[in-house]
Amino acid sequence: MHVLFAFVAMGSWAVFVNHGHDMPRPIYAGLVQGTMSAGLTLLLKSVIDGLSHRIAYPMQLWAPPAIACLGSASLLLAIHAASGTPEIWKTIAVPLLVSTSYATLYNYSISARRGP
């Protein structure tokens, strides 16, 4: 369900921010962003879990979400550039904010349970 929501919500966002460009570019941007958001949603929790267990306190509080954010941003930028998305920065801003916020909150919650 989360994966479907990520595809629809973030894909729709991409169509919206690219709507001023000739068709079918906004549709392609939406399909690319929706697919990337769905895939990143599947991987994000696993990445945070893995990194959080491998990084020592206090770096475990900030490093896993920062690494996940940088990885997500790199993938999103590269794939949107390769696919010809017109408004790349606007397209990835909201999905990156949402995924980084989730990663940060999730990482803090598992770090708090485990303790220093």
Protein backbone atom coordinates (compact mmCIF):
# COMPACT_ATOMS: atom_id res chain seq x y z
CA MET A 1 0.00 0.00 0.00
CA HIS A 2 2.83 2.42 0.86
CA VAL A 3 4.51 1.68 -2.45
CA LEU A 4 1.33 2.38 -4.43
CA PHE A 5 0.76 5.60 -2.49
CA ALA A 6 4.35 6.71 -3.18
CA PHE A 7 3.92 6.01 -6.90
CA VAL A 8 0.63 7.90 -7.19
CA ALA A 9 1.43 10.83 -4.89
CA MET A 10 4.95 11.59 -6.06
CA GLY A 11 4.21 10.75 -9.67
CA SER A 12 1.31 13.20 -9.58
CA TRP A 13 3.56 15.83 -8.03
CA ALA A 14 6.02 15.41 -10.90
CA VAL A 15 3.26 15.80 -13.49
CA PHE A 16 2.03 18.92 -11.70
CA VAL A 17 5.39 20.70 -11.52
CA ASN A 18 6.16 19.86 -15.16
CA HIS A 19 2.70 20.68 -16.55
CA GLY A 20 3.94 23.82 -18.30
CA HIS A 21 6.01 21.79 -20.73
CA ASP A 22 4.84 20.07 -23.90
CA MET A 23 3.22 16.69 -23.57
CA PRO A 24 4.27 13.94 -23.04
CA ARG A 25 7.20 15.25 -20.95
CA PRO A 26 5.10 15.83 -17.80
CA ILE A 27 3.68 12.30 -18.09
CA TYR A 28 7.17 10.81 -18.49
CA ALA A 29 8.38 12.81 -15.49
CA GLY A 30 5.44 11.47 -13.46
CA LEU A 31 6.09 7.88 -14.48
CA VAL A 32 9.79 8.20 -13.71
CA GLN A 33 9.21 9.88 -10.34
CA GLY A 34 6.42 7.50 -9.39
CA THR A 35 8.55 4.49 -10.20
CA MET A 36 11.58 5.88 -8.37
CA SER A 37 9.50 6.80 -5.31
CA ALA A 38 7.96 3.33 -5.20
CA GLY A 39 11.37 1.68 -5.44
CA LEU A 40 12.97 3.98 -2.89
CA THR A 41 10.07 3.36 -0.52
CA LEU A 42 10.80 -0.36 -0.67
CA LEU A 43 14.52 0.14 -0.01
CA LEU A 44 14.60 3.01 2.46
CA LYS A 45 13.68 1.10 5.62
CA SER A 46 16.17 -1.67 4.86
CA VAL A 47 18.95 0.83 4.19
CA ILE A 48 18.28 2.72 7.44
CA ASP A 49 18.13 -0.55 9.42
CA GLY A 50 21.41 -1.75 7.95
CA LEU A 51 23.28 1.51 8.38
CA SER A 52 21.98 2.15 11.87
CA HIS A 53 23.33 -1.19 13.09
CA ARG A 54 26.75 -0.64 11.50
CA ILE A 55 27.42 2.94 12.63
CA ALA A 56 28.36 3.71 16.23
CA TYR A 57 26.70 6.24 18.50
CA PRO A 58 26.51 9.29 18.18
CA MET A 59 27.01 9.17 14.41
CA GLN A 60 24.19 6.63 14.14
CA LEU A 61 21.77 9.48 14.94
CA TRP A 62 22.49 11.51 11.79
CA ALA A 63 24.59 9.45 9.38
CA PRO A 64 22.03 6.86 8.19
CA PRO A 65 19.41 9.43 7.11
CA ALA A 66 22.11 11.66 5.59
CA ILE A 67 23.53 8.75 3.58
CA ALA A 68 20.04 7.69 2.49
CA CYS A 69 19.23 11.28 1.44
CA LEU A 70 22.44 11.63 -0.57
CA GLY A 71 21.89 8.27 -2.24
CA SER A 72 18.27 9.07 -3.08
CA ALA A 73 19.16 12.53 -4.39
CA SER A 74 21.93 11.13 -6.58
CA LEU A 75 19.67 8.48 -8.08
CA LEU A 76 16.80 10.91 -8.63
CA LEU A 77 19.03 13.54 -10.26
CA ALA A 78 20.75 11.04 -12.54
CA ILE A 79 17.60 9.28 -13.69
CA HIS A 80 15.58 12.45 -14.20
CA ALA A 81 18.46 13.99 -16.16
CA ALA A 82 18.76 10.85 -18.31
CA SER A 83 15.02 10.78 -18.96
CA GLY A 84 14.82 14.47 -19.89
CA THR A 85 12.66 15.74 -17.03
CA PRO A 86 12.35 19.52 -17.60
CA GLU A 87 11.99 20.71 -13.97
CA ILE A 88 14.33 18.34 -12.14
CA TRP A 89 14.84 20.33 -8.93
CA LYS A 90 11.14 21.07 -8.50
CA THR A 91 10.30 17.47 -9.33
CA ILE A 92 12.55 15.93 -6.70
CA ALA A 93 12.12 18.53 -3.93
CA VAL A 94 8.96 17.13 -2.33
CA PRO A 95 9.80 13.43 -2.71
CA LEU A 96 13.25 14.02 -1.26
CA LEU A 97 11.84 16.04 1.65
CA VAL A 98 9.28 13.34 2.43
CA SER A 99 11.73 10.44 2.19
CA THR A 100 14.42 12.21 4.22
CA SER A 101 11.89 13.16 6.90
CA TYR A 102 10.71 9.57 7.10
CA ALA A 103 14.30 8.27 7.20
CA THR A 104 15.20 10.69 9.99
CA LEU A 105 12.15 9.91 12.14
CA TYR A 106 12.47 6.16 11.60
CA ASN A 107 16.21 6.24 12.38
CA TYR A 108 15.64 8.21 15.60
CA SER A 109 12.90 5.81 16.67
CA ILE A 110 15.10 2.73 16.30
CA SER A 111 18.10 4.51 17.83
CA ALA A 112 16.03 5.55 20.85
CA ARG A 113 14.87 1.98 21.42
CA ARG A 114 18.41 0.67 21.21
CA GLY A 115 20.06 3.50 23.18
CA PRO A 116 23.69 4.73 22.98
